[in-house]
Amino acid sequence: MEIWINPRCGKCRTALGELDAAGAEYTVRHYLDEPPTAAELTAVLDRLGLEPWNVARLDEAVAKELGLRSWGREQGDRARWVAAMTAHPKLIQRPIITADDGYTVIGRTPDALKDVLSH
């Protein structure tokens, strides 16, 4: 299992605590220090069944600077969003947890954490 975290994020710390309490084995990726490549982010989005604009943190200062709220949200816009998110990983919602079988969730809720732990 792999979890992408920002150690200053409360939801990330909660998710780590839940994984520890469940005895899960996992690898931590500090995605702000080691940003995902476009291919990695695209693969995660595909496993989530979401588009980049669905997992973008639109209230971040860089999102406002880029004007993300006004960007298109069609399939043809996907690469632009992915490029912005890999260049500015702070835009990526967290924590993202991928189970060993590839099942992936955004671990912000107890239900999402339960789901990923059952895989």
PDB file of N, CA and C in Angstrom:
ATOM      1  N   MET A   1       0.857  -1.165   0.000  1.00  0.00           N
ATOM      2  CA  MET A   1       0.000   0.000   0.000  1.00  0.00           C
ATOM      3  C   MET A   1       0.904   1.229   0.000  1.00  0.00           C
ATOM      4  N   GLU A   2       0.449   2.258  -0.731  1.00  0.00           N
ATOM      5  CA  GLU A   2       1.185   3.518  -0.763  1.00  0.00           C
ATOM      6  C   GLU A   2       0.224   4.648  -0.429  1.00  0.00           C
ATOM      7  N   ILE A   3       0.715   5.625   0.338  1.00  0.00           N
ATOM      8  CA  ILE A   3      -0.095   6.781   0.691  1.00  0.00           C
ATOM      9  C   ILE A   3       0.686   8.048   0.358  1.00  0.00           C
ATOM     10  N   TRP A   4       0.038   8.921  -0.403  1.00  0.00           N
ATOM     11  CA  TRP A   4       0.623  10.229  -0.721  1.00  0.00           C
ATOM     12  C   TRP A   4       0.133  11.202   0.328  1.00  0.00           C
ATOM     13  N   ILE A   5       1.078  11.833   1.031  1.00  0.00           N
ATOM     14  CA  ILE A   5       0.698  12.729   2.120  1.00  0.00           C
ATOM     15  C   ILE A   5       1.464  14.041   2.099  1.00  0.00           C
ATOM     16  N   ASN A   6       0.884  14.993   2.804  1.00  0.00           N
ATOM     17  CA  ASN A   6       1.548  16.208   3.245  1.00  0.00           C
ATOM     18  C   ASN A   6       1.566  16.061   4.770  1.00  0.00           C
ATOM     19  N   PRO A   7       2.734  15.944   5.392  1.00  0.00           N
ATOM     20  CA  PRO A   7       2.772  15.692   6.832  1.00  0.00           C
ATOM     21  C   PRO A   7       2.113  16.773   7.689  1.00  0.00           C
ATOM     22  N   ARG A   8       1.895  17.962   7.135  1.00  0.00           N
ATOM     23  CA  ARG A   8       1.234  19.027   7.894  1.00  0.00           C
ATOM     24  C   ARG A   8      -0.290  18.939   7.806  1.00  0.00           C
ATOM     25  N   CYS A   9      -0.795  18.015   7.013  1.00  0.00           N
ATOM     26  CA  CYS A   9      -2.239  17.874   6.791  1.00  0.00           C
ATOM     27  C   CYS A   9      -2.867  16.981   7.860  1.00  0.00           C
ATOM     28  N   GLY A  10      -3.890  17.500   8.526  1.00  0.00           N
ATOM     29  CA  GLY A  10      -4.577  16.731   9.561  1.00  0.00           C
ATOM     30  C   GLY A  10      -5.223  15.462   9.033  1.00  0.00           C
ATOM     31  N   LYS A  11      -5.835  15.522   7.859  1.00  0.00           N
ATOM     32  CA  LYS A  11      -6.470  14.333   7.265  1.00  0.00           C
ATOM     33  C   LYS A  11      -5.425  13.272   6.949  1.00  0.00           C
ATOM     34  N   CYS A  12      -4.245  13.713   6.521  1.00  0.00           N
ATOM     35  CA  CYS A  12      -3.159  12.770   6.243  1.00  0.00           C
ATOM     36  C   CYS A  12      -2.694  12.080   7.522  1.00  0.00           C
ATOM     37  N   ARG A  13      -2.540  12.860   8.582  1.00  0.00           N
ATOM     38  CA  ARG A  13      -2.111  12.276   9.856  1.00  0.00           C
ATOM     39  C   ARG A  13      -3.172  11.306  10.389  1.00  0.00           C
ATOM     40  N   THR A  14      -4.441  11.663  10.228  1.00  0.00           N
ATOM     41  CA  THR A  14      -5.522  10.759  10.645  1.00  0.00           C
ATOM     42  C   THR A  14      -5.454   9.462   9.859  1.00  0.00           C
ATOM     43  N   ALA A  15      -5.259   9.564   8.547  1.00  0.00           N
ATOM     44  CA  ALA A  15      -5.184   8.363   7.707  1.00  0.00           C
ATOM     45  C   ALA A  15      -4.019   7.483   8.130  1.00  0.00           C
ATOM     46  N   LEU A  16      -2.868   8.086   8.400  1.00  0.00           N
ATOM     47  CA  LEU A  16      -1.718   7.296   8.860  1.00  0.00           C
ATOM     48  C   LEU A  16      -2.035   6.588  10.170  1.00  0.00           C
ATOM     49  N   GLY A  17      -2.701   7.281  11.072  1.00  0.00           N
ATOM     50  CA  GLY A  17      -3.086   6.672  12.347  1.00  0.00           C
ATOM     51  C   GLY A  17      -4.019   5.485  12.148  1.00  0.00           C
ATOM     52  N   GLU A  18      -4.967   5.622  11.232  1.00  0.00           N
ATOM     53  CA  GLU A  18      -5.898   4.519  10.938  1.00  0.00           C
ATOM     54  C   GLU A  18      -5.166   3.339  10.316  1.00  0.00           C
ATOM     55  N   LEU A  19      -4.246   3.616   9.398  1.00  0.00           N
ATOM     56  CA  LEU A  19      -3.466   2.526   8.787  1.00  0.00           C
ATOM     57  C   LEU A  19      -2.632   1.822   9.847  1.00  0.00           C
ATOM     58  N   ASP A  20      -2.006   2.601  10.734  1.00  0.00           N
ATOM     59  CA  ASP A  20      -1.215   2.006  11.815  1.00  0.00           C
ATOM     60  C   ASP A  20      -2.087   1.164  12.734  1.00  0.00           C
ATOM     61  N   ALA A  21      -3.253   1.701  13.105  1.00  0.00           N
ATOM     62  CA  ALA A  21      -4.153   0.979  14.009  1.00  0.00           C
ATOM     63  C   ALA A  21      -4.630  -0.330  13.393  1.00  0.00           C
ATOM     64  N   ALA A  22      -4.749  -0.356  12.068  1.00  0.00           N
ATOM     65  CA  ALA A  22      -5.192  -1.572  11.375  1.00  0.00           C
ATOM     66  C   ALA A  22      -4.033  -2.526  11.106  1.00  0.00           C
ATOM     67  N   GLY A  23      -2.819  -2.108  11.447  1.00  0.00           N
ATOM     68  CA  GLY A  23      -1.655  -2.951  11.211  1.00  0.00           C
ATOM     69  C   GLY A  23      -1.282  -3.058   9.740  1.00  0.00           C
ATOM     70  N   ALA A  24      -1.695  -2.079   8.947  1.00  0.00           N
ATOM     71  CA  ALA A  24      -1.418  -2.107   7.509  1.00  0.00           C
ATOM     72  C   ALA A  24       0.054  -1.803   7.244  1.00  0.00           C
ATOM     73  N   GLU A  25       0.583  -2.463   6.234  1.00  0.00           N
ATOM     74  CA  GLU A  25       1.935  -2.157   5.771  1.00  0.00           C
ATOM     75  C   GLU A  25       1.795  -1.180   4.625  1.00  0.00           C
ATOM     76  N   TYR A  26       2.561  -0.091   4.682  1.00  0.00           N
ATOM     77  CA  TYR A  26       2.433   0.925   3.653  1.00  0.00           C
ATOM     78  C   TYR A  26       3.738   1.685   3.488  1.00  0.00           C
ATOM     79  N   THR A  27       3.831   2.351   2.354  1.00  0.00           N
ATOM     80  CA  THR A  27       4.940   3.237   2.042  1.00  0.00           C
ATOM     81  C   THR A  27       4.386   4.648   1.980  1.00  0.00           C
ATOM     82  N   VAL A  28       5.078   5.575   2.601  1.00  0.00           N
ATOM     83  CA  VAL A  28       4.668   6.977   2.591  1.00  0.00           C
ATOM     84  C   VAL A  28       5.409   7.699   1.469  1.00  0.00           C
ATOM     85  N   ARG A  29       4.652   8.462   0.704  1.00  0.00           N
ATOM     86  CA  ARG A  29       5.248   9.327  -0.302  1.00  0.00           C
ATOM     87  C   ARG A  29       4.876  10.764   0.041  1.00  0.00           C
ATOM     88  N   HIS A  30       5.882  11.551   0.333  1.00  0.00           N
ATOM     89  CA  HIS A  30       5.680  12.976   0.592  1.00  0.00           C
ATOM     90  C   HIS A  30       5.605  13.643  -0.782  1.00  0.00           C
ATOM     91  N   TYR A  31       4.400  13.716  -1.312  1.00  0.00           N
ATOM     92  CA  TYR A  31       4.226  14.087  -2.711  1.00  0.00           C
ATOM     93  C   TYR A  31       4.586  15.547  -3.004  1.00  0.00           C
ATOM     94  N   LEU A  32       4.708  16.378  -1.982  1.00  0.00           N
ATOM     95  CA  LEU A  32       5.180  17.742  -2.230  1.00  0.00           C
ATOM     96  C   LEU A  32       6.688  17.752  -2.494  1.00  0.00           C
ATOM     97  N   ASP A  33       7.403  16.833  -1.857  1.00  0.00           N
ATOM     98  CA  ASP A  33       8.850  16.711  -2.050  1.00  0.00           C
ATOM     99  C   ASP A  33       9.190  15.828  -3.243  1.00  0.00           C
ATOM    100  N   GLU A  34       8.338  14.859  -3.523  1.00  0.00           N
ATOM    101  CA  GLU A  34       8.533  13.917  -4.628  1.00  0.00           C
ATOM    102  C   GLU A  34       7.254  13.896  -5.462  1.00  0.00           C
ATOM    103  N   PRO A  35       7.039  14.950  -6.265  1.00  0.00           N
ATOM    104  CA  PRO A  35       5.787  15.051  -7.026  1.00  0.00           C
ATOM    105  C   PRO A  35       5.612  13.889  -7.995  1.00  0.00           C
ATOM    106  N   PRO A  36       4.364  13.506  -8.212  1.00  0.00           N
ATOM    107  CA  PRO A  36       4.126  12.451  -9.194  1.00  0.00           C
ATOM    108  C   PRO A  36       4.406  12.967 -10.601  1.00  0.00           C
ATOM    109  N   THR A  37       4.779  12.053 -11.466  1.00  0.00           N
ATOM    110  CA  THR A  37       4.909  12.402 -12.872  1.00  0.00           C
ATOM    111  C   THR A  37       3.506  12.495 -13.467  1.00  0.00           C
ATOM    112  N   ALA A  38       3.427  13.029 -14.662  1.00  0.00           N
ATOM    113  CA  ALA A  38       2.135  13.098 -15.342  1.00  0.00           C
ATOM    114  C   ALA A  38       1.563  11.694 -15.518  1.00  0.00           C
ATOM    115  N   ALA A  39       2.404  10.732 -15.846  1.00  0.00           N
ATOM    116  CA  ALA A  39       1.939   9.349 -16.025  1.00  0.00           C
ATOM    117  C   ALA A  39       1.422   8.771 -14.709  1.00  0.00           C
ATOM    118  N   GLU A  40       2.125   9.031 -13.602  1.00  0.00           N
ATOM    119  CA  GLU A  40       1.675   8.527 -12.301  1.00  0.00           C
ATOM    120  C   GLU A  40       0.346   9.155 -11.901  1.00  0.00           C
ATOM    121  N   LEU A  41       0.236  10.459 -12.060  1.00  0.00           N
ATOM    122  CA  LEU A  41      -1.005  11.131 -11.685  1.00  0.00           C
ATOM    123  C   LEU A  41      -2.154  10.658 -12.570  1.00  0.00           C
ATOM    124  N   THR A  42      -1.916  10.510 -13.853  1.00  0.00           N
ATOM    125  CA  THR A  42      -2.950  10.018 -14.762  1.00  0.00           C
ATOM    126  C   THR A  42      -3.396   8.619 -14.361  1.00  0.00           C
ATOM    127  N   ALA A  43      -2.447   7.762 -13.995  1.00  0.00           N
ATOM    128  CA  ALA A  43      -2.799   6.401 -13.566  1.00  0.00           C
ATOM    129  C   ALA A  43      -3.648   6.430 -12.293  1.00  0.00           C
ATOM    130  N   VAL A  44      -3.298   7.299 -11.350  1.00  0.00           N
ATOM    131  CA  VAL A  44      -4.073   7.426 -10.111  1.00  0.00           C
ATOM    132  C   VAL A  44      -5.485   7.924 -10.427  1.00  0.00           C
ATOM    133  N   LEU A  45      -5.579   8.929 -11.274  1.00  0.00           N
ATOM    134  CA  LEU A  45      -6.895   9.453 -11.657  1.00  0.00           C
ATOM    135  C   LEU A  45      -7.744   8.370 -12.313  1.00  0.00           C
ATOM    136  N   ASP A  46      -7.125   7.586 -13.179  1.00  0.00           N
ATOM    137  CA  ASP A  46      -7.855   6.498 -13.840  1.00  0.00           C
ATOM    138  C   ASP A  46      -8.346   5.473 -12.824  1.00  0.00           C
ATOM    139  N   ARG A  47      -7.499   5.127 -11.849  1.00  0.00           N
ATOM    140  CA  ARG A  47      -7.921   4.169 -10.811  1.00  0.00           C
ATOM    141  C   ARG A  47      -9.028   4.752  -9.940  1.00  0.00           C
ATOM    142  N   LEU A  48      -8.981   6.057  -9.696  1.00  0.00           N
ATOM    143  CA  LEU A  48     -10.023   6.723  -8.906  1.00  0.00           C
ATOM    144  C   LEU A  48     -11.317   6.878  -9.701  1.00  0.00           C
ATOM    145  N   GLY A  49     -11.203   6.845 -11.035  1.00  0.00           N
ATOM    146  CA  GLY A  49     -12.356   7.108 -11.880  1.00  0.00           C
ATOM    147  C   GLY A  49     -12.748   8.576 -11.859  1.00  0.00           C
ATOM    148  N   LEU A  50     -11.741   9.451 -11.657  1.00  0.00           N
ATOM    149  CA  LEU A  50     -11.988  10.885 -11.546  1.00  0.00           C
ATOM    150  C   LEU A  50     -11.137  11.648 -12.549  1.00  0.00           C
ATOM    151  N   GLU A  51     -11.525  12.880 -12.754  1.00  0.00           N
ATOM    152  CA  GLU A  51     -10.768  13.797 -13.602  1.00  0.00           C
ATOM    153  C   GLU A  51      -9.928  14.695 -12.691  1.00  0.00           C
ATOM    154  N   PRO A  52      -8.873  15.298 -13.237  1.00  0.00           N
ATOM    155  CA  PRO A  52      -8.006  16.126 -12.380  1.00  0.00           C
ATOM    156  C   PRO A  52      -8.746  17.267 -11.696  1.00  0.00           C
ATOM    157  N   TRP A  53      -9.724  17.848 -12.355  1.00  0.00           N
ATOM    158  CA  TRP A  53     -10.470  18.952 -11.733  1.00  0.00           C
ATOM    159  C   TRP A  53     -11.319  18.477 -10.563  1.00  0.00           C
ATOM    160  N   ASN A  54     -11.564  17.160 -10.479  1.00  0.00           N
ATOM    161  CA  ASN A  54     -12.307  16.605  -9.350  1.00  0.00           C
ATOM    162  C   ASN A  54     -11.451  16.473  -8.097  1.00  0.00           C
ATOM    163  N   VAL A  55     -10.136  16.455  -8.259  1.00  0.00           N
ATOM    164  CA  VAL A  55      -9.233  16.277  -7.119  1.00  0.00           C
ATOM    165  C   VAL A  55      -8.305  17.482  -6.923  1.00  0.00           C
ATOM    166  N   ALA A  56      -8.600  18.567  -7.605  1.00  0.00           N
ATOM    167  CA  ALA A  56      -7.770  19.764  -7.487  1.00  0.00           C
ATOM    168  C   ALA A  56      -8.179  20.575  -6.259  1.00  0.00           C
ATOM    169  N   ARG A  57      -7.199  21.102  -5.587  1.00  0.00           N
ATOM    170  CA  ARG A  57      -7.418  21.975  -4.429  1.00  0.00           C
ATOM    171  C   ARG A  57      -7.510  23.410  -4.955  1.00  0.00           C
ATOM    172  N   LEU A  58      -8.715  23.832  -5.253  1.00  0.00           N
ATOM    173  CA  LEU A  58      -8.951  25.104  -5.929  1.00  0.00           C
ATOM    174  C   LEU A  58      -8.774  26.334  -5.042  1.00  0.00           C
ATOM    175  N   ASP A  59      -8.686  26.135  -3.734  1.00  0.00           N
ATOM    176  CA  ASP A  59      -8.514  27.270  -2.840  1.00  0.00           C
ATOM    177  C   ASP A  59      -7.049  27.568  -2.522  1.00  0.00           C
ATOM    178  N   GLU A  60      -6.148  26.773  -3.073  1.00  0.00           N
ATOM    179  CA  GLU A  60      -4.726  27.038  -2.873  1.00  0.00           C
ATOM    180  C   GLU A  60      -4.344  28.328  -3.613  1.00  0.00           C
ATOM    181  N   ALA A  61      -3.373  29.041  -3.084  1.00  0.00           N
ATOM    182  CA  ALA A  61      -2.939  30.296  -3.704  1.00  0.00           C
ATOM    183  C   ALA A  61      -2.520  30.092  -5.161  1.00  0.00           C
ATOM    184  N   VAL A  62      -1.798  29.016  -5.434  1.00  0.00           N
ATOM    185  CA  VAL A  62      -1.340  28.777  -6.807  1.00  0.00           C
ATOM    186  C   VAL A  62      -2.524  28.511  -7.738  1.00  0.00           C
ATOM    187  N   ALA A  63      -3.576  27.903  -7.239  1.00  0.00           N
ATOM    188  CA  ALA A  63      -4.775  27.677  -8.060  1.00  0.00           C
ATOM    189  C   ALA A  63      -5.401  29.011  -8.446  1.00  0.00           C
ATOM    190  N   LYS A  64      -5.417  29.913  -7.499  1.00  0.00           N
ATOM    191  CA  LYS A  64      -5.969  31.246  -7.773  1.00  0.00           C
ATOM    192  C   LYS A  64      -5.088  31.997  -8.762  1.00  0.00           C
ATOM    193  N   GLU A  65      -3.757  31.883  -8.591  1.00  0.00           N
ATOM    194  CA  GLU A  65      -2.824  32.544  -9.506  1.00  0.00           C
ATOM    195  C   GLU A  65      -2.992  32.028 -10.931  1.00  0.00           C
ATOM    196  N   LEU A  66      -3.202  30.729 -11.055  1.00  0.00           N
ATOM    197  CA  LEU A  66      -3.369  30.114 -12.379  1.00  0.00           C
ATOM    198  C   LEU A  66      -4.777  30.319 -12.944  1.00  0.00           C
ATOM    199  N   GLY A  67      -5.714  30.704 -12.086  1.00  0.00           N
ATOM    200  CA  GLY A  67      -7.097  30.865 -12.528  1.00  0.00           C
ATOM    201  C   GLY A  67      -7.789  29.547 -12.815  1.00  0.00           C
ATOM    202  N   LEU A  68      -7.453  28.497 -12.041  1.00  0.00           N
ATOM    203  CA  LEU A  68      -7.976  27.150 -12.299  1.00  0.00           C
ATOM    204  C   LEU A  68      -9.502  27.080 -12.362  1.00  0.00           C
ATOM    205  N   ARG A  69     -10.164  27.868 -11.556  1.00  0.00           N
ATOM    206  CA  ARG A  69     -11.635  27.802 -11.545  1.00  0.00           C
ATOM    207  C   ARG A  69     -12.235  28.105 -12.920  1.00  0.00           C
ATOM    208  N   SER A  70     -11.503  28.852 -13.735  1.00  0.00           N
ATOM    209  CA  SER A  70     -12.031  29.215 -15.054  1.00  0.00           C
ATOM    210  C   SER A  70     -11.565  28.273 -16.163  1.00  0.00           C
ATOM    211  N   TRP A  71     -10.716  27.304 -15.851  1.00  0.00           N
ATOM    212  CA  TRP A  71     -10.207  26.386 -16.871  1.00  0.00           C
ATOM    213  C   TRP A  71     -11.316  25.457 -17.333  1.00  0.00           C
ATOM    214  N   GLY A  72     -11.212  25.023 -18.578  1.00  0.00           N
ATOM    215  CA  GLY A  72     -12.160  24.075 -19.143  1.00  0.00           C
ATOM    216  C   GLY A  72     -12.121  22.739 -18.416  1.00  0.00           C
ATOM    217  N   ARG A  73     -13.222  22.037 -18.505  1.00  0.00           N
ATOM    218  CA  ARG A  73     -13.334  20.737 -17.827  1.00  0.00           C
ATOM    219  C   ARG A  73     -13.863  19.675 -18.780  1.00  0.00           C
ATOM    220  N   GLU A  74     -13.258  19.652 -19.937  1.00  0.00           N
ATOM    221  CA  GLU A  74     -13.589  18.650 -20.952  1.00  0.00           C
ATOM    222  C   GLU A  74     -12.380  17.728 -21.109  1.00  0.00           C
ATOM    223  N   GLN A  75     -12.570  16.605 -21.775  1.00  0.00           N
ATOM    224  CA  GLN A  75     -11.489  15.634 -21.941  1.00  0.00           C
ATOM    225  C   GLN A  75     -10.238  16.285 -22.544  1.00  0.00           C
ATOM    226  N   GLY A  76     -10.429  17.217 -23.470  1.00  0.00           N
ATOM    227  CA  GLY A  76      -9.297  17.888 -24.089  1.00  0.00           C
ATOM    228  C   GLY A  76      -8.514  18.788 -23.146  1.00  0.00           C
ATOM    229  N   ASP A  77      -9.101  19.110 -21.994  1.00  0.00           N
ATOM    230  CA  ASP A  77      -8.441  19.961 -21.009  1.00  0.00           C
ATOM    231  C   ASP A  77      -7.638  19.151 -19.989  1.00  0.00           C
ATOM    232  N   ARG A  78      -7.795  17.849 -20.008  1.00  0.00           N
ATOM    233  CA  ARG A  78      -7.197  16.989 -18.984  1.00  0.00           C
ATOM    234  C   ARG A  78      -5.679  17.154 -18.885  1.00  0.00           C
ATOM    235  N   ALA A  79      -4.994  17.154 -19.999  1.00  0.00           N
ATOM    236  CA  ALA A  79      -3.524  17.243 -19.988  1.00  0.00           C
ATOM    237  C   ALA A  79      -3.052  18.555 -19.362  1.00  0.00           C
ATOM    238  N   ARG A  80      -3.764  19.636 -19.608  1.00  0.00           N
ATOM    239  CA  ARG A  80      -3.390  20.928 -19.019  1.00  0.00           C
ATOM    240  C   ARG A  80      -3.501  20.875 -17.498  1.00  0.00           C
ATOM    241  N   TRP A  81      -4.586  20.284 -17.018  1.00  0.00           N
ATOM    242  CA  TRP A  81      -4.775  20.142 -15.572  1.00  0.00           C
ATOM    243  C   TRP A  81      -3.691  19.259 -14.962  1.00  0.00           C
ATOM    244  N   VAL A  82      -3.425  18.124 -15.589  1.00  0.00           N
ATOM    245  CA  VAL A  82      -2.407  17.202 -15.072  1.00  0.00           C
ATOM    246  C   VAL A  82      -1.051  17.896 -15.039  1.00  0.00           C
ATOM    247  N   ALA A  83      -0.722  18.639 -16.078  1.00  0.00           N
ATOM    248  CA  ALA A  83       0.560  19.356 -16.112  1.00  0.00           C
ATOM    249  C   ALA A  83       0.652  20.367 -14.975  1.00  0.00           C
ATOM    250  N   ALA A  84      -0.434  21.096 -14.736  1.00  0.00           N
ATOM    251  CA  ALA A  84      -0.427  22.076 -13.638  1.00  0.00           C
ATOM    252  C   ALA A  84      -0.267  21.382 -12.292  1.00  0.00           C
ATOM    253  N   MET A  85      -0.926  20.255 -12.123  1.00  0.00           N
ATOM    254  CA  MET A  85      -0.881  19.550 -10.838  1.00  0.00           C
ATOM    255  C   MET A  85       0.468  18.890 -10.592  1.00  0.00           C
ATOM    256  N   THR A  86       1.133  18.437 -11.629  1.00  0.00           N
ATOM    257  CA  THR A  86       2.467  17.861 -11.430  1.00  0.00           C
ATOM    258  C   THR A  86       3.504  18.957 -11.221  1.00  0.00           C
ATOM    259  N   ALA A  87       3.296  20.113 -11.844  1.00  0.00           N
ATOM    260  CA  ALA A  87       4.203  21.246 -11.636  1.00  0.00           C
ATOM    261  C   ALA A  87       3.992  21.882 -10.265  1.00  0.00           C
ATOM    262  N   HIS A  88       2.763  21.809  -9.764  1.00  0.00           N
ATOM    263  CA  HIS A  88       2.398  22.396  -8.476  1.00  0.00           C
ATOM    264  C   HIS A  88       1.638  21.333  -7.663  1.00  0.00           C
ATOM    265  N   PRO A  89       2.353  20.367  -7.091  1.00  0.00           N
ATOM    266  CA  PRO A  89       1.668  19.244  -6.421  1.00  0.00           C
ATOM    267  C   PRO A  89       0.765  19.657  -5.266  1.00  0.00           C
ATOM    268  N   LYS A  90       0.924  20.859  -4.761  1.00  0.00           N
ATOM    269  CA  LYS A  90       0.046  21.335  -3.690  1.00  0.00           C
ATOM    270  C   LYS A  90      -1.410  21.356  -4.156  1.00  0.00           C
ATOM    271  N   LEU A  91      -1.619  21.352  -5.464  1.00  0.00           N
ATOM    272  CA  LEU A  91      -2.965  21.361  -6.033  1.00  0.00           C
ATOM    273  C   LEU A  91      -3.677  20.013  -5.916  1.00  0.00           C
ATOM    274  N   ILE A  92      -2.928  18.959  -5.592  1.00  0.00           N
ATOM    275  CA  ILE A  92      -3.493  17.606  -5.548  1.00  0.00           C
ATOM    276  C   ILE A  92      -4.126  17.345  -4.185  1.00  0.00           C
ATOM    277  N   GLN A  93      -5.374  16.913  -4.213  1.00  0.00           N
ATOM    278  CA  GLN A  93      -6.083  16.549  -2.977  1.00  0.00           C
ATOM    279  C   GLN A  93      -5.327  15.424  -2.273  1.00  0.00           C
ATOM    280  N   ARG A  94      -5.428  15.358  -0.992  1.00  0.00           N
ATOM    281  CA  ARG A  94      -4.698  14.367  -0.195  1.00  0.00           C
ATOM    282  C   ARG A  94      -5.538  13.897   0.971  1.00  0.00           C
ATOM    283  N   PRO A  95      -5.192  12.785   1.564  1.00  0.00           N
ATOM    284  CA  PRO A  95      -4.212  11.794   1.140  1.00  0.00           C
ATOM    285  C   PRO A  95      -4.791  10.878   0.058  1.00  0.00           C
ATOM    286  N   ILE A  96      -3.927  10.416  -0.802  1.00  0.00           N
ATOM    287  CA  ILE A  96      -4.322   9.424  -1.810  1.00  0.00           C
ATOM    288  C   ILE A  96      -3.665   8.120  -1.408  1.00  0.00           C
ATOM    289  N   ILE A  97      -4.495   7.089  -1.279  1.00  0.00           N
ATOM    290  CA  ILE A  97      -4.011   5.784  -0.824  1.00  0.00           C
ATOM    291  C   ILE A  97      -4.294   4.748  -1.912  1.00  0.00           C
ATOM    292  N   THR A  98      -3.266   3.998  -2.275  1.00  0.00           N
ATOM    293  CA  THR A  98      -3.408   2.927  -3.256  1.00  0.00           C
ATOM    294  C   THR A  98      -3.060   1.610  -2.577  1.00  0.00           C
ATOM    295  N   ALA A  99      -4.038   0.704  -2.562  1.00  0.00           N
ATOM    296  CA  ALA A  99      -3.827  -0.627  -1.996  1.00  0.00           C
ATOM    297  C   ALA A  99      -2.959  -1.449  -2.949  1.00  0.00           C
ATOM    298  N   ASP A 100      -2.429  -2.547  -2.443  1.00  0.00           N
ATOM    299  CA  ASP A 100      -1.550  -3.390  -3.246  1.00  0.00           C
ATOM    300  C   ASP A 100      -2.238  -3.928  -4.502  1.00  0.00           C
ATOM    301  N   ASP A 101      -3.562  -4.085  -4.459  1.00  0.00           N
ATOM    302  CA  ASP A 101      -4.288  -4.588  -5.632  1.00  0.00           C
ATOM    303  C   ASP A 101      -4.639  -3.473  -6.621  1.00  0.00           C
ATOM    304  N   GLY A 102      -4.192  -2.228  -6.344  1.00  0.00           N
ATOM    305  CA  GLY A 102      -4.442  -1.109  -7.240  1.00  0.00           C
ATOM    306  C   GLY A 102      -5.645  -0.265  -6.865  1.00  0.00           C
ATOM    307  N   TYR A 103      -6.477  -0.765  -5.947  1.00  0.00           N
ATOM    308  CA  TYR A 103      -7.639   0.006  -5.507  1.00  0.00           C
ATOM    309  C   TYR A 103      -7.142   1.312  -4.884  1.00  0.00           C
ATOM    310  N   THR A 104      -7.731   2.436  -5.288  1.00  0.00           N
ATOM    311  CA  THR A 104      -7.247   3.748  -4.879  1.00  0.00           C
ATOM    312  C   THR A 104      -8.387   4.599  -4.352  1.00  0.00           C
ATOM    313  N   VAL A 105      -8.128   5.332  -3.267  1.00  0.00           N
ATOM    314  CA  VAL A 105      -9.110   6.244  -2.683  1.00  0.00           C
ATOM    315  C   VAL A 105      -8.427   7.540  -2.285  1.00  0.00           C
ATOM    316  N   ILE A 106      -9.244   8.567  -2.168  1.00  0.00           N
ATOM    317  CA  ILE A 106      -8.805   9.780  -1.486  1.00  0.00           C
ATOM    318  C   ILE A 106      -9.271   9.581  -0.055  1.00  0.00           C
ATOM    319  N   GLY A 107      -8.322   9.379   0.845  1.00  0.00           N
ATOM    320  CA  GLY A 107      -8.618   8.944   2.210  1.00  0.00           C
ATOM    321  C   GLY A 107      -9.006  10.051   3.163  1.00  0.00           C
ATOM    322  N   ARG A 108      -9.987  10.848   2.803  1.00  0.00           N
ATOM    323  CA  ARG A 108     -10.407  11.966   3.654  1.00  0.00           C
ATOM    324  C   ARG A 108     -11.564  11.618   4.573  1.00  0.00           C
ATOM    325  N   THR A 109     -12.181  10.449   4.368  1.00  0.00           N
ATOM    326  CA  THR A 109     -13.324  10.066   5.196  1.00  0.00           C
ATOM    327  C   THR A 109     -13.082   8.701   5.824  1.00  0.00           C
ATOM    328  N   PRO A 110     -13.745   8.421   6.940  1.00  0.00           N
ATOM    329  CA  PRO A 110     -13.614   7.093   7.547  1.00  0.00           C
ATOM    330  C   PRO A 110     -14.037   5.982   6.582  1.00  0.00           C
ATOM    331  N   ASP A 111     -15.078   6.224   5.778  1.00  0.00           N
ATOM    332  CA  ASP A 111     -15.531   5.199   4.839  1.00  0.00           C
ATOM    333  C   ASP A 111     -14.471   4.898   3.781  1.00  0.00           C
ATOM    334  N   ALA A 112     -13.812   5.928   3.282  1.00  0.00           N
ATOM    335  CA  ALA A 112     -12.753   5.714   2.286  1.00  0.00           C
ATOM    336  C   ALA A 112     -11.605   4.906   2.888  1.00  0.00           C
ATOM    337  N   LEU A 113     -11.259   5.198   4.122  1.00  0.00           N
ATOM    338  CA  LEU A 113     -10.200   4.453   4.791  1.00  0.00           C
ATOM    339  C   LEU A 113     -10.593   2.998   4.996  1.00  0.00           C
ATOM    340  N   LYS A 114     -11.850   2.765   5.398  1.00  0.00           N
ATOM    341  CA  LYS A 114     -12.331   1.387   5.560  1.00  0.00           C
ATOM    342  C   LYS A 114     -12.277   0.641   4.236  1.00  0.00           C
ATOM    343  N   ASP A 115     -12.698   1.325   3.174  1.00  0.00           N
ATOM    344  CA  ASP A 115     -12.698   0.689   1.840  1.00  0.00           C
ATOM    345  C   ASP A 115     -11.308   0.242   1.431  1.00  0.00           C
ATOM    346  N   VAL A 116     -10.326   1.115   1.568  1.00  0.00           N
ATOM    347  CA  VAL A 116      -8.986   0.764   1.116  1.00  0.00           C
ATOM    348  C   VAL A 116      -8.369  -0.311   2.016  1.00  0.00           C
ATOM    349  N   LEU A 117      -8.709  -0.307   3.293  1.00  0.00           N
ATOM    350  CA  LEU A 117      -8.176  -1.321   4.194  1.00  0.00           C
ATOM    351  C   LEU A 117      -8.762  -2.706   3.924  1.00  0.00           C
ATOM    352  N   SER A 118      -9.913  -2.750   3.282  1.00  0.00           N
ATOM    353  CA  SER A 118     -10.528  -4.049   2.975  1.00  0.00           C
ATOM    354  C   SER A 118      -9.939  -4.670   1.706  1.00  0.00           C
ATOM    355  N   HIS A 119      -9.018  -3.955   1.041  1.00  0.00           N
ATOM    356  CA  HIS A 119      -8.411  -4.492  -0.192  1.00  0.00           C
ATOM    357  C   HIS A 119      -7.054  -5.041   0.062  1.00  0.00           C
TER     358      HIS A 119
END
